Amino acid sequence: MFMEGLPFLIFWYTLMAISFFSEISIAADTITPTQSITVSDGQTLVSSAQTFELGFFSPGNSKNNYIGIWYKNSPSVVLWVASRENPITDSSGVLNIFCK
């Protein structure tokens, strides 16, 4: 029964985590659909209040990379991880944002 509701739970948890960002930025204060974040570039998106950060990270001594959200001032406190069961095992990971 729990497994049937898991995708719905993940969706709402993700939506709530993202809702903490009133505005996100990359270096300046915006990111455009033509920009991306890659495993190798080290760029992140930071909430306007400088509280949260989104980007690729590699926990501890792991060689795997994940997309996650963590506290900007406490990077080791990861709040959310995308696709935890399927990590990125090389430097080919790319996060793109599209407008439709």
C-alpha atoms as a PDB file:
ATOM      1  CA  MET A   1       0.000   0.000   0.000  1.00  0.00           C
ATOM      2  CA  PHE A   2       2.787   2.448   0.926  1.00  0.00           C
ATOM      3  CA  MET A   3       4.658   1.848  -2.349  1.00  0.00           C
ATOM      4  CA  GLU A   4       1.571   2.815  -4.382  1.00  0.00           C
ATOM      5  CA  GLY A   5       1.527   6.279  -2.810  1.00  0.00           C
ATOM      6  CA  LEU A   6       5.289   6.765  -2.940  1.00  0.00           C
ATOM      7  CA  PRO A   7       5.412   8.656  -6.293  1.00  0.00           C
ATOM      8  CA  PHE A   8       2.730  11.043  -5.020  1.00  0.00           C
ATOM      9  CA  LEU A   9       4.629  11.561  -1.762  1.00  0.00           C
ATOM     10  CA  ILE A  10       7.875  12.230  -3.633  1.00  0.00           C
ATOM     11  CA  PHE A  11       6.098  14.724  -5.903  1.00  0.00           C
ATOM     12  CA  TRP A  12       4.662  16.699  -2.976  1.00  0.00           C
ATOM     13  CA  TYR A  13       7.913  16.586  -1.003  1.00  0.00           C
ATOM     14  CA  THR A  14       9.766  17.938  -4.042  1.00  0.00           C
ATOM     15  CA  LEU A  15       7.159  20.638  -4.577  1.00  0.00           C
ATOM     16  CA  MET A  16       7.407  21.711  -0.940  1.00  0.00           C
ATOM     17  CA  ALA A  17      11.210  21.774  -1.063  1.00  0.00           C
ATOM     18  CA  ILE A  18      11.190  23.916  -4.188  1.00  0.00           C
ATOM     19  CA  SER A  19       8.563  26.250  -2.725  1.00  0.00           C
ATOM     20  CA  PHE A  20      11.148  27.428  -0.196  1.00  0.00           C
ATOM     21  CA  PHE A  21      12.829  29.231  -3.082  1.00  0.00           C
ATOM     22  CA  SER A  22      11.038  32.502  -3.598  1.00  0.00           C
ATOM     23  CA  GLU A  23      13.580  33.293  -6.260  1.00  0.00           C
ATOM     24  CA  ILE A  24      16.654  31.359  -7.378  1.00  0.00           C
ATOM     25  CA  SER A  25      19.893  32.690  -8.768  1.00  0.00           C
ATOM     26  CA  ILE A  26      23.161  31.609 -10.282  1.00  0.00           C
ATOM     27  CA  ALA A  27      25.998  33.997  -9.459  1.00  0.00           C
ATOM     28  CA  ALA A  28      23.864  37.026 -10.369  1.00  0.00           C
ATOM     29  CA  ASP A  29      20.154  36.762  -9.675  1.00  0.00           C
ATOM     30  CA  THR A  30      18.681  34.808 -12.594  1.00  0.00           C
ATOM     31  CA  ILE A  31      19.108  31.707 -14.691  1.00  0.00           C
ATOM     32  CA  THR A  32      17.855  31.512 -18.244  1.00  0.00           C
ATOM     33  CA  PRO A  33      16.605  28.485 -20.174  1.00  0.00           C
ATOM     34  CA  THR A  34      19.816  28.555 -22.229  1.00  0.00           C
ATOM     35  CA  GLN A  35      21.997  28.095 -19.139  1.00  0.00           C
ATOM     36  CA  SER A  36      22.681  24.816 -17.378  1.00  0.00           C
ATOM     37  CA  ILE A  37      24.468  23.450 -14.352  1.00  0.00           C
ATOM     38  CA  THR A  38      26.839  20.542 -14.856  1.00  0.00           C
ATOM     39  CA  VAL A  39      28.638  18.181 -12.513  1.00  0.00           C
ATOM     40  CA  SER A  40      31.987  19.537 -13.655  1.00  0.00           C
ATOM     41  CA  ASP A  41      31.322  23.311 -13.456  1.00  0.00           C
ATOM     42  CA  GLY A  42      30.495  23.452  -9.742  1.00  0.00           C
ATOM     43  CA  GLN A  43      27.818  26.119 -10.198  1.00  0.00           C
ATOM     44  CA  THR A  44      24.769  26.136  -7.949  1.00  0.00           C
ATOM     45  CA  LEU A  45      21.475  27.970  -7.612  1.00  0.00           C
ATOM     46  CA  VAL A  46      21.096  29.914  -4.375  1.00  0.00           C
ATOM     47  CA  SER A  47      17.812  31.103  -2.881  1.00  0.00           C
ATOM     48  CA  SER A  48      17.373  34.876  -2.721  1.00  0.00           C
ATOM     49  CA  ALA A  49      17.598  34.777   1.074  1.00  0.00           C
ATOM     50  CA  GLN A  50      20.895  32.866   0.800  1.00  0.00           C
ATOM     51  CA  THR A  51      19.368  30.011   2.833  1.00  0.00           C
ATOM     52  CA  PHE A  52      19.191  27.118   0.358  1.00  0.00           C
ATOM     53  CA  GLU A  53      21.425  25.900  -2.442  1.00  0.00           C
ATOM     54  CA  LEU A  54      20.676  23.512  -5.309  1.00  0.00           C
ATOM     55  CA  GLY A  55      23.286  21.746  -7.373  1.00  0.00           C
ATOM     56  CA  PHE A  56      25.328  18.620  -7.878  1.00  0.00           C
ATOM     57  CA  PHE A  57      27.110  17.154  -4.883  1.00  0.00           C
ATOM     58  CA  SER A  58      29.119  14.084  -3.994  1.00  0.00           C
ATOM     59  CA  PRO A  59      28.630  12.855  -0.418  1.00  0.00           C
ATOM     60  CA  GLY A  60      31.710  12.005   1.623  1.00  0.00           C
ATOM     61  CA  ASN A  61      34.273   9.916  -0.237  1.00  0.00           C
ATOM     62  CA  SER A  62      31.723   8.766  -2.823  1.00  0.00           C
ATOM     63  CA  LYS A  63      32.536   9.057  -6.521  1.00  0.00           C
ATOM     64  CA  ASN A  64      28.807   9.288  -7.288  1.00  0.00           C
ATOM     65  CA  ASN A  65      27.120  12.631  -7.936  1.00  0.00           C
ATOM     66  CA  TYR A  66      23.565  13.653  -7.111  1.00  0.00           C
ATOM     67  CA  ILE A  67      21.341  16.689  -7.596  1.00  0.00           C
ATOM     68  CA  GLY A  68      20.236  17.984  -4.230  1.00  0.00           C
ATOM     69  CA  ILE A  69      19.120  20.861  -2.064  1.00  0.00           C
ATOM     70  CA  TRP A  70      21.054  21.739   1.081  1.00  0.00           C
ATOM     71  CA  TYR A  71      21.473  24.603   3.512  1.00  0.00           C
ATOM     72  CA  LYS A  72      23.879  27.143   2.037  1.00  0.00           C
ATOM     73  CA  ASN A  73      25.661  27.647   5.360  1.00  0.00           C
ATOM     74  CA  SER A  74      25.700  23.901   6.162  1.00  0.00           C
ATOM     75  CA  PRO A  75      26.401  22.023   2.904  1.00  0.00           C
ATOM     76  CA  SER A  76      26.606  18.697   4.725  1.00  0.00           C
ATOM     77  CA  VAL A  77      22.919  19.005   5.716  1.00  0.00           C
ATOM     78  CA  VAL A  78      21.238  17.772   2.533  1.00  0.00           C
ATOM     79  CA  LEU A  79      17.469  18.341   2.563  1.00  0.00           C
ATOM     80  CA  TRP A  80      16.469  16.668  -0.700  1.00  0.00           C
ATOM     81  CA  VAL A  81      18.124  14.383  -3.249  1.00  0.00           C
ATOM     82  CA  ALA A  82      16.840  13.667  -6.760  1.00  0.00           C
ATOM     83  CA  SER A  83      16.981  10.091  -7.992  1.00  0.00           C
ATOM     84  CA  ARG A  84      18.887   8.808  -4.990  1.00  0.00           C
ATOM     85  CA  GLU A  85      18.769   5.243  -6.333  1.00  0.00           C
ATOM     86  CA  ASN A  86      20.334   6.233  -9.684  1.00  0.00           C
ATOM     87  CA  PRO A  87      23.394   8.403  -9.027  1.00  0.00           C
ATOM     88  CA  ILE A  88      25.473  10.015 -11.741  1.00  0.00           C
ATOM     89  CA  THR A  89      28.662   7.979 -11.873  1.00  0.00           C
ATOM     90  CA  ASP A  90      30.759  10.336 -14.011  1.00  0.00           C
ATOM     91  CA  SER A  91      31.007  14.036 -14.888  1.00  0.00           C
ATOM     92  CA  SER A  92      28.316  13.933 -17.596  1.00  0.00           C
ATOM     93  CA  GLY A  93      25.427  15.168 -15.405  1.00  0.00           C
ATOM     94  CA  VAL A  94      23.583  18.279 -16.607  1.00  0.00           C
ATOM     95  CA  LEU A  95      20.651  20.161 -15.074  1.00  0.00           C
ATOM     96  CA  ASN A  96      18.681  22.177 -17.635  1.00  0.00           C
ATOM     97  CA  ILE A  97      15.709  24.444 -17.011  1.00  0.00           C
ATOM     98  CA  PHE A  98      13.181  24.828 -19.806  1.00  0.00           C
ATOM     99  CA  CYS A  99      10.329  27.280 -20.359  1.00  0.00           C
ATOM    100  CA  LYS A 100       7.246  26.182 -22.237  1.00  0.00           C
END
